[in-house]
Amino acid sequence: MNRPVQTFSIARTAVIATLLLGVALPAAAQKGKQPAGPPVTTQGAVKSNPKADKGQATAEASRTEARERKMAADVAKSEAKALRDAAKVARKEPVALLKGVPMTKEQRKAAKESRKRYEAEVRELDKEARQNEKDGVRDATATARLEALRLKERAELRALLSSEGRARFDENVAAYGRKKP
């Protein structure tokens, strides 16, 4: 009769020992080996991994380069938008300058042909500005070219007019210059 109780006791002890070892072994393995002696000091300097330093430097260089590219693209975009706005004004300008100017049929026809010709050139500059904006390219001469085109068109339109028409045209130019485009 003693045997079943003894067998049960042995089995119970074996299960408890297994459970204790199962919990204690992973905990001991996670602790790792403690260094002998006091902790290592570096007198204020931090020792780092050279590979990690190189990775950090590369990442910082990439971020700096990306910021510079974005700033250049933003500048190109704002310049292209300014050029598009100026082109829009250049397309509307001849109509505003000729408003109220007395003209003959031949003068109207010549003015219309002149406007069409310059409109095509302004449209080409506008198209170029849009492409430059897409590509992120800056074109510092585009605004100057557009302004030269506008002045050339003004001079050509003015040359078509009679002296009375020129006086009214000059008044319109002065008034147009005061308005915000």
N, C-alpha and C. Protein backbone atom coordinates (compact mmCIF):
# COMPACT_ATOMS: atom_id res chain seq x y z
N MET A 1 0.80 -1.17 0.00
CA MET A 1 0.00 0.00 0.00
C MET A 1 0.86 1.26 0.00
N ASN A 2 1.97 1.12 0.49
CA ASN A 2 2.91 2.20 0.50
C ASN A 2 3.42 2.55 -0.91
N ARG A 3 3.42 1.63 -1.75
CA ARG A 3 3.97 1.83 -3.09
C ARG A 3 3.19 2.82 -3.92
N PRO A 4 1.87 2.80 -3.99
CA PRO A 4 1.18 3.79 -4.83
C PRO A 4 1.39 5.20 -4.30
N VAL A 5 1.43 5.39 -3.02
CA VAL A 5 1.62 6.73 -2.47
C VAL A 5 3.03 7.19 -2.81
N GLN A 6 3.98 6.28 -2.69
CA GLN A 6 5.33 6.63 -3.01
C GLN A 6 5.47 6.96 -4.49
N THR A 7 4.87 6.23 -5.37
CA THR A 7 4.92 6.48 -6.80
C THR A 7 4.29 7.83 -7.12
N PHE A 8 3.17 8.10 -6.47
CA PHE A 8 2.51 9.39 -6.69
C PHE A 8 3.39 10.54 -6.21
N SER A 9 4.04 10.38 -5.11
CA SER A 9 4.93 11.39 -4.57
C SER A 9 6.12 11.63 -5.49
N ILE A 10 6.67 10.59 -6.01
CA ILE A 10 7.81 10.73 -6.91
C ILE A 10 7.37 11.43 -8.20
N ALA A 11 6.24 11.05 -8.73
CA ALA A 11 5.73 11.66 -9.97
C ALA A 11 5.46 13.14 -9.74
N ARG A 12 4.83 13.45 -8.60
CA ARG A 12 4.53 14.85 -8.29
C ARG A 12 5.83 15.65 -8.14
N THR A 13 6.82 15.14 -7.52
CA THR A 13 8.10 15.81 -7.35
C THR A 13 8.76 16.03 -8.71
N ALA A 14 8.68 15.07 -9.59
CA ALA A 14 9.28 15.18 -10.93
C ALA A 14 8.60 16.29 -11.74
N VAL A 15 7.28 16.38 -11.66
CA VAL A 15 6.54 17.42 -12.39
C VAL A 15 6.89 18.80 -11.85
N ILE A 16 6.96 18.93 -10.53
CA ILE A 16 7.29 20.22 -9.92
C ILE A 16 8.71 20.62 -10.29
N ALA A 17 9.63 19.71 -10.28
CA ALA A 17 11.02 20.00 -10.63
C ALA A 17 11.12 20.44 -12.10
N THR A 18 10.38 19.77 -12.97
CA THR A 18 10.39 20.12 -14.40
C THR A 18 9.85 21.53 -14.60
N LEU A 19 8.77 21.84 -13.90
CA LEU A 19 8.19 23.18 -14.02
C LEU A 19 9.16 24.25 -13.52
N LEU A 20 9.78 24.00 -12.40
CA LEU A 20 10.73 24.97 -11.86
C LEU A 20 11.92 25.17 -12.79
N LEU A 21 12.43 24.09 -13.33
CA LEU A 21 13.55 24.20 -14.26
C LEU A 21 13.12 24.90 -15.55
N GLY A 22 11.91 24.64 -16.00
CA GLY A 22 11.39 25.27 -17.22
C GLY A 22 11.27 26.78 -17.09
N VAL A 23 10.99 27.28 -15.91
CA VAL A 23 10.86 28.71 -15.68
C VAL A 23 12.22 29.32 -15.36
N ALA A 24 13.04 28.64 -14.63
CA ALA A 24 14.30 29.20 -14.16
C ALA A 24 15.36 29.27 -15.27
N LEU A 25 15.41 28.28 -16.13
CA LEU A 25 16.44 28.26 -17.17
C LEU A 25 16.32 29.43 -18.15
N PRO A 26 15.15 29.73 -18.71
CA PRO A 26 15.07 30.88 -19.64
C PRO A 26 15.39 32.20 -18.93
N ALA A 27 14.99 32.34 -17.70
CA ALA A 27 15.28 33.58 -16.97
C ALA A 27 16.78 33.73 -16.78
N ALA A 28 17.48 32.67 -16.49
CA ALA A 28 18.93 32.72 -16.30
C ALA A 28 19.62 32.99 -17.63
N ALA A 29 19.09 32.45 -18.72
CA ALA A 29 19.70 32.65 -20.04
C ALA A 29 19.54 34.10 -20.49
N GLN A 30 18.44 34.74 -20.13
CA GLN A 30 18.20 36.12 -20.55
C GLN A 30 19.08 37.10 -19.80
N LYS A 31 19.47 36.78 -18.60
CA LYS A 31 20.28 37.70 -17.81
C LYS A 31 21.62 37.94 -18.46
N GLY A 32 22.20 37.00 -19.06
CA GLY A 32 23.50 37.15 -19.69
C GLY A 32 24.62 37.16 -18.66
N LYS A 33 25.80 37.40 -19.17
CA LYS A 33 26.96 37.37 -18.31
C LYS A 33 27.26 38.78 -17.84
N GLN A 34 27.38 38.99 -16.59
CA GLN A 34 27.70 40.30 -16.01
C GLN A 34 29.20 40.51 -16.09
N PRO A 35 29.65 41.73 -16.51
CA PRO A 35 31.09 41.97 -16.56
C PRO A 35 31.67 41.99 -15.15
N ALA A 36 32.88 41.55 -15.10
CA ALA A 36 33.56 41.52 -13.81
C ALA A 36 34.11 42.91 -13.53
N GLY A 37 34.00 43.38 -12.34
CA GLY A 37 34.55 44.65 -11.94
C GLY A 37 33.60 45.80 -12.20
N PRO A 38 34.09 47.01 -12.01
CA PRO A 38 33.25 48.19 -12.16
C PRO A 38 32.93 48.44 -13.65
N PRO A 39 31.89 49.23 -13.94
CA PRO A 39 31.53 49.49 -15.35
C PRO A 39 32.65 50.27 -16.05
N VAL A 40 32.76 50.07 -17.36
CA VAL A 40 33.79 50.72 -18.16
C VAL A 40 33.38 52.16 -18.39
N THR A 41 34.27 53.10 -18.13
CA THR A 41 33.98 54.52 -18.38
C THR A 41 34.87 54.99 -19.52
N THR A 42 34.41 56.03 -20.23
CA THR A 42 35.15 56.55 -21.38
C THR A 42 35.56 58.00 -21.17
N GLN A 43 35.54 58.48 -19.96
CA GLN A 43 35.87 59.86 -19.61
C GLN A 43 35.08 60.85 -20.48
N GLY A 44 33.81 60.64 -20.60
CA GLY A 44 32.93 61.57 -21.31
C GLY A 44 32.80 61.29 -22.79
N ALA A 45 33.70 60.54 -23.39
CA ALA A 45 33.61 60.24 -24.82
C ALA A 45 32.73 59.01 -25.00
N VAL A 46 32.01 59.02 -26.08
CA VAL A 46 31.13 57.90 -26.37
C VAL A 46 31.79 57.05 -27.43
N LYS A 47 31.90 55.81 -27.15
CA LYS A 47 32.46 54.90 -28.14
C LYS A 47 31.30 54.43 -29.02
N SER A 48 31.48 54.53 -30.32
CA SER A 48 30.40 54.10 -31.20
C SER A 48 30.94 53.15 -32.26
N ASN A 49 30.03 52.54 -32.92
CA ASN A 49 30.36 51.59 -33.95
C ASN A 49 30.67 52.34 -35.24
N PRO A 50 31.82 52.13 -35.86
CA PRO A 50 32.17 52.84 -37.10
C PRO A 50 31.17 52.61 -38.23
N LYS A 51 30.62 51.41 -38.33
CA LYS A 51 29.63 51.13 -39.37
C LYS A 51 28.36 51.93 -39.13
N ALA A 52 27.96 52.04 -37.89
CA ALA A 52 26.77 52.82 -37.56
C ALA A 52 27.01 54.30 -37.85
N ASP A 53 28.23 54.78 -37.53
CA ASP A 53 28.56 56.18 -37.82
C ASP A 53 28.48 56.46 -39.32
N LYS A 54 29.00 55.54 -40.11
CA LYS A 54 28.97 55.71 -41.56
C LYS A 54 27.52 55.73 -42.06
N GLY A 55 26.71 54.85 -41.53
CA GLY A 55 25.29 54.81 -41.92
C GLY A 55 24.57 56.10 -41.56
N GLN A 56 24.86 56.62 -40.37
CA GLN A 56 24.24 57.88 -39.95
C GLN A 56 24.68 59.03 -40.85
N ALA A 57 25.96 59.06 -41.20
CA ALA A 57 26.47 60.12 -42.07
C ALA A 57 25.85 60.03 -43.45
N THR A 58 25.70 58.83 -43.96
CA THR A 58 25.08 58.64 -45.27
C THR A 58 23.62 59.08 -45.25
N ALA A 59 22.92 58.73 -44.19
CA ALA A 59 21.51 59.12 -44.07
C ALA A 59 21.37 60.64 -43.98
N GLU A 60 22.23 61.28 -43.22
CA GLU A 60 22.19 62.74 -43.09
C GLU A 60 22.49 63.42 -44.43
N ALA A 61 23.47 62.88 -45.15
CA ALA A 61 23.80 63.44 -46.47
C ALA A 61 22.62 63.29 -47.43
N SER A 62 21.95 62.16 -47.36
CA SER A 62 20.78 61.94 -48.23
C SER A 62 19.67 62.91 -47.89
N ARG A 63 19.44 63.14 -46.59
CA ARG A 63 18.38 64.09 -46.19
C ARG A 63 18.73 65.50 -46.65
N THR A 64 19.98 65.89 -46.49
CA THR A 64 20.41 67.23 -46.92
C THR A 64 20.24 67.39 -48.42
N GLU A 65 20.64 66.39 -49.17
CA GLU A 65 20.51 66.43 -50.63
C GLU A 65 19.05 66.52 -51.04
N ALA A 66 18.19 65.77 -50.37
CA ALA A 66 16.76 65.80 -50.70
C ALA A 66 16.16 67.17 -50.39
N ARG A 67 16.58 67.79 -49.27
CA ARG A 67 16.10 69.14 -48.95
C ARG A 67 16.52 70.14 -50.02
N GLU A 68 17.77 70.04 -50.46
CA GLU A 68 18.27 70.96 -51.50
C GLU A 68 17.53 70.76 -52.81
N ARG A 69 17.27 69.50 -53.18
CA ARG A 69 16.51 69.24 -54.41
C ARG A 69 15.11 69.81 -54.32
N LYS A 70 14.49 69.65 -53.16
CA LYS A 70 13.13 70.16 -52.97
C LYS A 70 13.11 71.68 -53.04
N MET A 71 14.10 72.33 -52.42
CA MET A 71 14.15 73.80 -52.47
C MET A 71 14.34 74.27 -53.90
N ALA A 72 15.21 73.61 -54.67
CA ALA A 72 15.44 73.99 -56.07
C ALA A 72 14.16 73.78 -56.89
N ALA A 73 13.46 72.69 -56.63
CA ALA A 73 12.22 72.42 -57.36
C ALA A 73 11.16 73.47 -56.99
N ASP A 74 11.10 73.85 -55.72
CA ASP A 74 10.14 74.87 -55.30
C ASP A 74 10.42 76.21 -55.95
N VAL A 75 11.70 76.57 -56.05
CA VAL A 75 12.08 77.83 -56.70
C VAL A 75 11.70 77.78 -58.17
N ALA A 76 12.02 76.66 -58.83
CA ALA A 76 11.69 76.52 -60.25
C ALA A 76 10.18 76.58 -60.45
N LYS A 77 9.45 75.98 -59.53
CA LYS A 77 7.99 75.97 -59.63
C LYS A 77 7.43 77.38 -59.48
N SER A 78 7.95 78.14 -58.52
CA SER A 78 7.45 79.50 -58.32
C SER A 78 7.83 80.40 -59.50
N GLU A 79 9.03 80.21 -60.05
CA GLU A 79 9.42 80.99 -61.23
C GLU A 79 8.53 80.66 -62.42
N ALA A 80 8.24 79.37 -62.60
CA ALA A 80 7.38 78.96 -63.70
C ALA A 80 5.97 79.51 -63.53
N LYS A 81 5.48 79.54 -62.29
CA LYS A 81 4.15 80.10 -62.04
C LYS A 81 4.13 81.59 -62.33
N ALA A 82 5.18 82.29 -61.94
CA ALA A 82 5.27 83.72 -62.23
C ALA A 82 5.28 83.97 -63.73
N LEU A 83 6.00 83.12 -64.46
CA LEU A 83 6.04 83.26 -65.92
C LEU A 83 4.68 82.97 -66.54
N ARG A 84 3.99 81.95 -66.03
CA ARG A 84 2.65 81.65 -66.55
C ARG A 84 1.70 82.80 -66.30
N ASP A 85 1.79 83.39 -65.10
CA ASP A 85 0.94 84.55 -64.79
C ASP A 85 1.25 85.72 -65.70
N ALA A 86 2.54 85.95 -65.94
CA ALA A 86 2.95 87.04 -66.83
C ALA A 86 2.49 86.77 -68.26
N ALA A 87 2.51 85.52 -68.68
CA ALA A 87 2.03 85.16 -70.02
C ALA A 87 0.54 85.40 -70.14
N LYS A 88 -0.18 85.11 -69.08
CA LYS A 88 -1.63 85.35 -69.08
C LYS A 88 -1.91 86.84 -69.24
N VAL A 89 -1.16 87.66 -68.52
CA VAL A 89 -1.30 89.11 -68.62
C VAL A 89 -0.93 89.57 -70.03
N ALA A 90 0.15 89.00 -70.59
CA ALA A 90 0.60 89.39 -71.92
C ALA A 90 -0.44 89.07 -72.98
N ARG A 91 -1.20 87.99 -72.78
CA ARG A 91 -2.25 87.65 -73.75
C ARG A 91 -3.41 88.64 -73.69
N LYS A 92 -3.69 89.17 -72.51
CA LYS A 92 -4.83 90.09 -72.34
C LYS A 92 -4.45 91.54 -72.65
N GLU A 93 -3.17 91.87 -72.56
CA GLU A 93 -2.72 93.25 -72.66
C GLU A 93 -3.12 93.96 -73.96
N PRO A 94 -2.92 93.38 -75.15
CA PRO A 94 -3.22 94.11 -76.39
C PRO A 94 -4.68 94.56 -76.49
N VAL A 95 -5.57 93.73 -76.03
CA VAL A 95 -7.00 94.08 -76.07
C VAL A 95 -7.26 95.28 -75.18
N ALA A 96 -6.66 95.28 -74.00
CA ALA A 96 -6.86 96.38 -73.06
C ALA A 96 -6.24 97.67 -73.59
N LEU A 97 -5.10 97.58 -74.24
CA LEU A 97 -4.42 98.77 -74.74
C LEU A 97 -5.13 99.38 -75.95
N LEU A 98 -5.82 98.56 -76.70
CA LEU A 98 -6.52 99.07 -77.90
C LEU A 98 -7.96 99.49 -77.60
N LYS A 99 -8.38 99.35 -76.37
CA LYS A 99 -9.76 99.69 -76.00
C LYS A 99 -9.99 101.20 -76.17
N GLY A 100 -11.00 101.53 -76.97
CA GLY A 100 -11.35 102.93 -77.19
C GLY A 100 -10.48 103.66 -78.19
N VAL A 101 -9.55 102.96 -78.82
CA VAL A 101 -8.66 103.58 -79.80
C VAL A 101 -9.36 103.57 -81.16
N PRO A 102 -9.50 104.75 -81.80
CA PRO A 102 -10.13 104.78 -83.12
C PRO A 102 -9.20 104.16 -84.16
N MET A 103 -9.74 103.17 -84.92
CA MET A 103 -8.93 102.49 -85.94
C MET A 103 -9.75 102.27 -87.20
N THR A 104 -9.06 102.23 -88.32
CA THR A 104 -9.71 101.90 -89.59
C THR A 104 -9.78 100.38 -89.70
N LYS A 105 -10.47 99.89 -90.75
CA LYS A 105 -10.58 98.46 -90.97
C LYS A 105 -9.20 97.82 -91.17
N GLU A 106 -8.36 98.49 -91.96
CA GLU A 106 -7.02 97.97 -92.23
C GLU A 106 -6.19 97.90 -90.95
N GLN A 107 -6.32 98.93 -90.11
CA GLN A 107 -5.57 98.95 -88.85
C GLN A 107 -6.04 97.82 -87.93
N ARG A 108 -7.37 97.60 -87.88
CA ARG A 108 -7.91 96.51 -87.05
C ARG A 108 -7.38 95.16 -87.53
N LYS A 109 -7.39 94.99 -88.86
CA LYS A 109 -6.93 93.73 -89.44
C LYS A 109 -5.44 93.51 -89.13
N ALA A 110 -4.64 94.55 -89.30
CA ALA A 110 -3.21 94.44 -89.00
C ALA A 110 -2.98 94.19 -87.51
N ALA A 111 -3.75 94.83 -86.65
CA ALA A 111 -3.62 94.63 -85.20
C ALA A 111 -4.00 93.19 -84.83
N LYS A 112 -5.03 92.67 -85.47
CA LYS A 112 -5.46 91.30 -85.19
C LYS A 112 -4.38 90.30 -85.60
N GLU A 113 -3.77 90.52 -86.78
CA GLU A 113 -2.70 89.64 -87.23
C GLU A 113 -1.50 89.71 -86.29
N SER A 114 -1.18 90.92 -85.85
CA SER A 114 -0.07 91.11 -84.92
C SER A 114 -0.34 90.37 -83.61
N ARG A 115 -1.56 90.51 -83.09
CA ARG A 115 -1.92 89.83 -81.84
C ARG A 115 -1.82 88.32 -81.98
N LYS A 116 -2.28 87.78 -83.11
CA LYS A 116 -2.21 86.33 -83.33
C LYS A 116 -0.76 85.85 -83.35
N ARG A 117 0.09 86.61 -84.04
CA ARG A 117 1.49 86.22 -84.15
C ARG A 117 2.16 86.22 -82.76
N TYR A 118 1.93 87.27 -82.01
CA TYR A 118 2.55 87.35 -80.67
C TYR A 118 1.90 86.37 -79.70
N GLU A 119 0.62 86.11 -79.89
CA GLU A 119 -0.07 85.13 -79.03
C GLU A 119 0.58 83.76 -79.17
N ALA A 120 0.94 83.39 -80.39
CA ALA A 120 1.61 82.10 -80.61
C ALA A 120 2.96 82.06 -79.88
N GLU A 121 3.70 83.15 -79.92
CA GLU A 121 5.00 83.20 -79.24
C GLU A 121 4.82 83.15 -77.72
N VAL A 122 3.82 83.85 -77.21
CA VAL A 122 3.56 83.83 -75.77
C VAL A 122 3.12 82.43 -75.34
N ARG A 123 2.30 81.79 -76.15
CA ARG A 123 1.84 80.43 -75.85
C ARG A 123 3.04 79.47 -75.81
N GLU A 124 3.98 79.66 -76.72
CA GLU A 124 5.19 78.82 -76.74
C GLU A 124 6.01 79.02 -75.46
N LEU A 125 6.16 80.26 -75.03
CA LEU A 125 6.88 80.53 -73.77
C LEU A 125 6.15 79.91 -72.58
N ASP A 126 4.84 80.00 -72.59
CA ASP A 126 4.03 79.42 -71.51
C ASP A 126 4.20 77.90 -71.48
N LYS A 127 4.19 77.29 -72.65
CA LYS A 127 4.37 75.84 -72.74
C LYS A 127 5.75 75.44 -72.21
N GLU A 128 6.74 76.23 -72.58
CA GLU A 128 8.11 75.99 -72.11
C GLU A 128 8.18 76.11 -70.58
N ALA A 129 7.49 77.10 -70.03
CA ALA A 129 7.48 77.29 -68.57
C ALA A 129 6.83 76.10 -67.87
N ARG A 130 5.76 75.59 -68.43
CA ARG A 130 5.10 74.42 -67.83
C ARG A 130 6.02 73.20 -67.86
N GLN A 131 6.72 73.01 -68.97
CA GLN A 131 7.64 71.88 -69.07
C GLN A 131 8.79 72.04 -68.09
N ASN A 132 9.31 73.25 -67.96
CA ASN A 132 10.39 73.50 -67.01
C ASN A 132 9.93 73.24 -65.58
N GLU A 133 8.69 73.61 -65.29
CA GLU A 133 8.15 73.36 -63.95
C GLU A 133 8.07 71.87 -63.68
N LYS A 134 7.62 71.12 -64.67
CA LYS A 134 7.53 69.67 -64.53
C LYS A 134 8.90 69.05 -64.29
N ASP A 135 9.90 69.54 -65.06
CA ASP A 135 11.25 68.99 -64.96
C ASP A 135 12.04 69.55 -63.79
N GLY A 136 11.54 70.62 -63.17
CA GLY A 136 12.25 71.25 -62.05
C GLY A 136 13.46 72.05 -62.51
N VAL A 137 13.39 72.56 -63.75
CA VAL A 137 14.51 73.32 -64.33
C VAL A 137 14.20 74.81 -64.21
N ARG A 138 15.23 75.58 -63.89
CA ARG A 138 15.06 77.03 -63.79
C ARG A 138 15.51 77.68 -65.10
N ASP A 139 14.71 78.66 -65.57
CA ASP A 139 15.07 79.43 -66.76
C ASP A 139 14.96 80.90 -66.39
N ALA A 140 16.09 81.49 -66.07
CA ALA A 140 16.10 82.88 -65.60
C ALA A 140 15.80 83.86 -66.74
N THR A 141 16.00 83.47 -67.97
CA THR A 141 15.81 84.39 -69.10
C THR A 141 14.37 84.41 -69.60
N ALA A 142 13.54 83.48 -69.19
CA ALA A 142 12.19 83.37 -69.74
C ALA A 142 11.35 84.62 -69.46
N THR A 143 11.42 85.15 -68.25
CA THR A 143 10.63 86.34 -67.91
C THR A 143 11.12 87.54 -68.70
N ALA A 144 12.42 87.66 -68.87
CA ALA A 144 12.98 88.77 -69.65
C ALA A 144 12.55 88.65 -71.12
N ARG A 145 12.55 87.42 -71.65
CA ARG A 145 12.11 87.22 -73.03
C ARG A 145 10.64 87.59 -73.21
N LEU A 146 9.83 87.24 -72.22
CA LEU A 146 8.40 87.57 -72.29
C LEU A 146 8.20 89.08 -72.24
N GLU A 147 8.92 89.74 -71.36
CA GLU A 147 8.81 91.20 -71.25
C GLU A 147 9.25 91.88 -72.55
N ALA A 148 10.32 91.40 -73.16
CA ALA A 148 10.78 91.95 -74.44
C ALA A 148 9.73 91.74 -75.53
N LEU A 149 9.09 90.59 -75.50
CA LEU A 149 8.03 90.28 -76.45
C LEU A 149 6.84 91.23 -76.27
N ARG A 150 6.48 91.49 -75.03
CA ARG A 150 5.36 92.41 -74.75
C ARG A 150 5.67 93.82 -75.26
N LEU A 151 6.88 94.30 -74.98
CA LEU A 151 7.26 95.64 -75.43
C LEU A 151 7.32 95.73 -76.94
N LYS A 152 7.79 94.69 -77.59
CA LYS A 152 7.86 94.66 -79.05
C LYS A 152 6.45 94.70 -79.64
N GLU A 153 5.53 93.94 -79.04
CA GLU A 153 4.14 93.94 -79.52
C GLU A 153 3.51 95.31 -79.32
N ARG A 154 3.76 95.92 -78.16
CA ARG A 154 3.24 97.28 -77.91
C ARG A 154 3.71 98.26 -78.98
N ALA A 155 5.01 98.20 -79.26
CA ALA A 155 5.59 99.13 -80.24
C ALA A 155 4.99 98.89 -81.62
N GLU A 156 4.79 97.63 -81.98
CA GLU A 156 4.20 97.32 -83.29
C GLU A 156 2.76 97.80 -83.38
N LEU A 157 1.99 97.59 -82.31
CA LEU A 157 0.60 98.06 -82.31
C LEU A 157 0.55 99.59 -82.37
N ARG A 158 1.41 100.23 -81.64
CA ARG A 158 1.43 101.70 -81.62
C ARG A 158 1.79 102.26 -82.99
N ALA A 159 2.71 101.58 -83.70
CA ALA A 159 3.14 102.04 -85.02
C ALA A 159 2.00 101.95 -86.05
N LEU A 160 1.04 101.07 -85.82
CA LEU A 160 -0.10 100.92 -86.73
C LEU A 160 -1.07 102.10 -86.66
N LEU A 161 -1.08 102.81 -85.55
CA LEU A 161 -2.13 103.80 -85.27
C LEU A 161 -1.80 105.18 -85.83
N SER A 162 -2.87 105.94 -85.98
CA SER A 162 -2.72 107.35 -86.37
C SER A 162 -2.31 108.14 -85.13
N SER A 163 -2.02 109.44 -85.30
CA SER A 163 -1.58 110.26 -84.17
C SER A 163 -2.67 110.33 -83.09
N GLU A 164 -3.93 110.42 -83.49
CA GLU A 164 -5.03 110.45 -82.52
C GLU A 164 -5.12 109.11 -81.79
N GLY A 165 -4.98 108.02 -82.53
CA GLY A 165 -5.02 106.69 -81.95
C GLY A 165 -3.85 106.45 -81.01
N ARG A 166 -2.68 107.00 -81.38
CA ARG A 166 -1.49 106.86 -80.52
C ARG A 166 -1.69 107.55 -79.18
N ALA A 167 -2.33 108.71 -79.20
CA ALA A 167 -2.58 109.45 -77.95
C ALA A 167 -3.46 108.61 -77.02
N ARG A 168 -4.52 108.04 -77.56
CA ARG A 168 -5.42 107.20 -76.75
C ARG A 168 -4.69 105.94 -76.29
N PHE A 169 -3.89 105.36 -77.17
CA PHE A 169 -3.11 104.16 -76.85
C PHE A 169 -2.16 104.44 -75.69
N ASP A 170 -1.48 105.59 -75.75
CA ASP A 170 -0.55 105.97 -74.67
C ASP A 170 -1.28 106.16 -73.35
N GLU A 171 -2.49 106.73 -73.41
CA GLU A 171 -3.30 106.87 -72.19
C GLU A 171 -3.62 105.49 -71.62
N ASN A 172 -3.99 104.56 -72.51
CA ASN A 172 -4.31 103.19 -72.06
C ASN A 172 -3.08 102.50 -71.46
N VAL A 173 -1.91 102.75 -72.06
CA VAL A 173 -0.67 102.15 -71.53
C VAL A 173 -0.41 102.68 -70.12
N ALA A 174 -0.57 103.98 -69.93
CA ALA A 174 -0.34 104.59 -68.62
C ALA A 174 -1.34 104.04 -67.60
N ALA A 175 -2.60 103.92 -68.00
CA ALA A 175 -3.63 103.40 -67.10
C ALA A 175 -3.40 101.91 -66.82
N TYR A 176 -2.97 101.16 -67.81
CA TYR A 176 -2.73 99.73 -67.64
C TYR A 176 -1.56 99.49 -66.70
N GLY A 177 -0.56 100.36 -66.77
CA GLY A 177 0.60 100.26 -65.89
C GLY A 177 0.23 100.48 -64.42
N ARG A 178 -0.81 101.30 -64.18
CA ARG A 178 -1.22 101.57 -62.80
C ARG A 178 -2.06 100.44 -62.23
N LYS A 179 -2.76 99.72 -63.12
CA LYS A 179 -3.61 98.62 -62.66
C LYS A 179 -2.73 97.43 -62.28
N LYS A 180 -3.26 96.65 -61.37
CA LYS A 180 -2.56 95.39 -61.04
C LYS A 180 -3.04 94.35 -62.02
N PRO A 181 -2.12 93.70 -62.72
CA PRO A 181 -2.52 92.69 -63.71
C PRO A 181 -3.15 91.48 -63.06
